[in-house]
Protein backbone atom coordinates (compact mmCIF):
# COMPACT_ATOMS: atom_id res chain seq x y z
CA UNK A 1 0.00 0.00 0.00
CA UNK A 2 2.65 2.47 -1.08
CA UNK A 3 4.77 1.97 2.00
CA UNK A 4 1.90 2.27 4.49
CA UNK A 5 1.07 -0.54 6.89
CA UNK A 6 -2.14 -2.47 6.22
CA UNK A 7 -5.38 -1.58 7.96
CA UNK A 8 -5.72 -3.70 11.09
CA UNK A 9 -9.17 -2.71 12.34
CA UNK A 10 -12.64 -3.03 10.82
CA UNK A 11 -13.06 -1.68 7.29
CA UNK A 12 -15.79 -0.85 4.79
CA UNK A 13 -15.28 -1.86 1.15
CA UNK A 14 -17.05 -0.38 -1.88
CA UNK A 15 -16.35 -1.47 -5.44
CA UNK A 16 -17.42 -1.03 -9.05
CA UNK A 17 -16.51 -3.81 -11.47
CA UNK A 18 -16.69 -2.58 -15.09
CA UNK A 19 -16.87 -4.94 -18.08
CA UNK A 20 -16.74 -4.21 -21.79
CA UNK A 21 -20.06 -4.95 -23.44
CA UNK A 22 -19.62 -7.68 -26.08
CA UNK A 23 -20.37 -6.45 -29.62
CA UNK A 24 -23.01 -9.20 -29.90
CA UNK A 25 -24.95 -7.84 -26.90
CA UNK A 26 -26.99 -4.69 -27.42
CA UNK A 27 -28.08 -2.35 -24.65
CA UNK A 28 -31.68 -3.30 -25.43
CA UNK A 29 -30.94 -7.03 -25.27
CA UNK A 30 -29.06 -6.91 -21.95
CA UNK A 31 -28.96 -3.48 -20.28
CA UNK A 32 -27.36 -4.82 -17.09
CA UNK A 33 -24.46 -7.22 -16.50
CA UNK A 34 -26.46 -10.30 -15.49
CA UNK A 35 -24.04 -13.00 -16.62
CA UNK A 36 -20.93 -14.56 -15.09
CA UNK A 37 -18.79 -13.76 -13.22
CA UNK A 38 -21.16 -13.66 -10.26
CA UNK A 39 -20.93 -10.65 -7.99
CA UNK A 40 -20.14 -12.75 -4.91
CA UNK A 41 -17.17 -14.34 -6.71
CA UNK A 42 -15.89 -10.90 -7.71
CA UNK A 43 -16.19 -9.74 -4.08
CA UNK A 44 -14.20 -12.76 -2.87
CA UNK A 45 -11.49 -12.16 -5.48
CA UNK A 46 -11.30 -8.50 -4.44
CA UNK A 47 -10.93 -9.41 -0.76
CA UNK A 48 -8.20 -11.93 -1.58
CA UNK A 49 -6.39 -9.23 -3.59
CA UNK A 50 -6.71 -6.72 -0.72
CA UNK A 51 -5.07 -9.23 1.64
CA UNK A 52 -2.40 -10.34 -0.86
CA UNK A 53 -1.65 -6.72 -1.75
CA UNK A 54 -1.14 -5.72 1.87
CA UNK A 55 -4.13 -3.38 2.15
CA UNK A 56 -5.77 -5.38 4.95
CA UNK A 57 -4.46 -8.14 7.19
CA UNK A 58 -7.45 -10.48 6.95
CA UNK A 59 -10.67 -10.39 4.96
CA UNK A 60 -12.55 -10.95 8.24
CA UNK A 61 -11.85 -7.26 8.94
CA UNK A 62 -14.49 -6.29 6.38
CA UNK A 63 -17.61 -5.78 8.44
CA UNK A 64 -19.55 -3.79 5.85
CA UNK A 65 -19.85 -3.59 2.10
CA UNK A 66 -20.84 -0.24 0.73
CA UNK A 67 -22.04 -0.11 -2.84
CA UNK A 68 -20.75 -3.10 -4.83
CA UNK A 69 -21.76 -3.04 -8.50
CA UNK A 70 -20.93 -4.87 -11.70
CA UNK A 71 -21.83 -3.11 -14.91
CA UNK A 72 -21.16 -2.81 -18.60
CA UNK A 73 -19.21 0.07 -20.05
CA UNK A 74 -19.53 0.97 -23.69
CA UNK A 75 -16.34 1.83 -25.55
CA UNK A 76 -16.35 5.53 -26.41
CA UNK A 77 -16.48 6.48 -30.08
CA UNK A 78 -13.20 7.67 -31.64
CA UNK A 79 -12.54 11.20 -30.47
CA UNK A 80 -15.03 10.81 -27.63
CA UNK A 81 -14.31 11.57 -24.01
CA UNK A 82 -12.78 8.64 -22.11
CA UNK A 83 -12.95 8.51 -18.33
CA UNK A 84 -12.90 5.89 -15.59
CA UNK A 85 -16.57 5.00 -16.15
CA UNK A 86 -16.01 4.31 -19.84
CA UNK A 87 -13.19 1.79 -19.48
CA UNK A 88 -13.24 -1.77 -18.17
CA UNK A 89 -11.63 -2.32 -14.82
CA UNK A 90 -12.18 -2.03 -11.09
CA UNK A 91 -12.51 0.87 -8.72
CA UNK A 92 -12.34 -0.12 -5.05
CA UNK A 93 -12.45 2.04 -1.94
CA UNK A 94 -11.37 0.73 1.48
CA UNK A 95 -12.10 2.88 4.53
CA UNK A 96 -11.41 2.38 8.20
CA UNK A 97 -14.48 2.07 10.35
């Protein structure tokens, strides 16, 4: 964690998992990400990464999940504005309780 010690007390975790929408899936056909990977599996993978990455000591420290979302992002058109919400990836926030 950039030279900082891991959190040792209770923490709250919020996360947004962003996936590229397949070209074969229109917004009308599937507006929300309702296919695998399951949200609970993504949460478990995130907690494992937080422990392995030295952010928290043990995933048992997480005593609350804030907003945890999985969603599609649509690739911006050439020349269009590109920000965090328009690219696939993960945004996670860990806060001490």
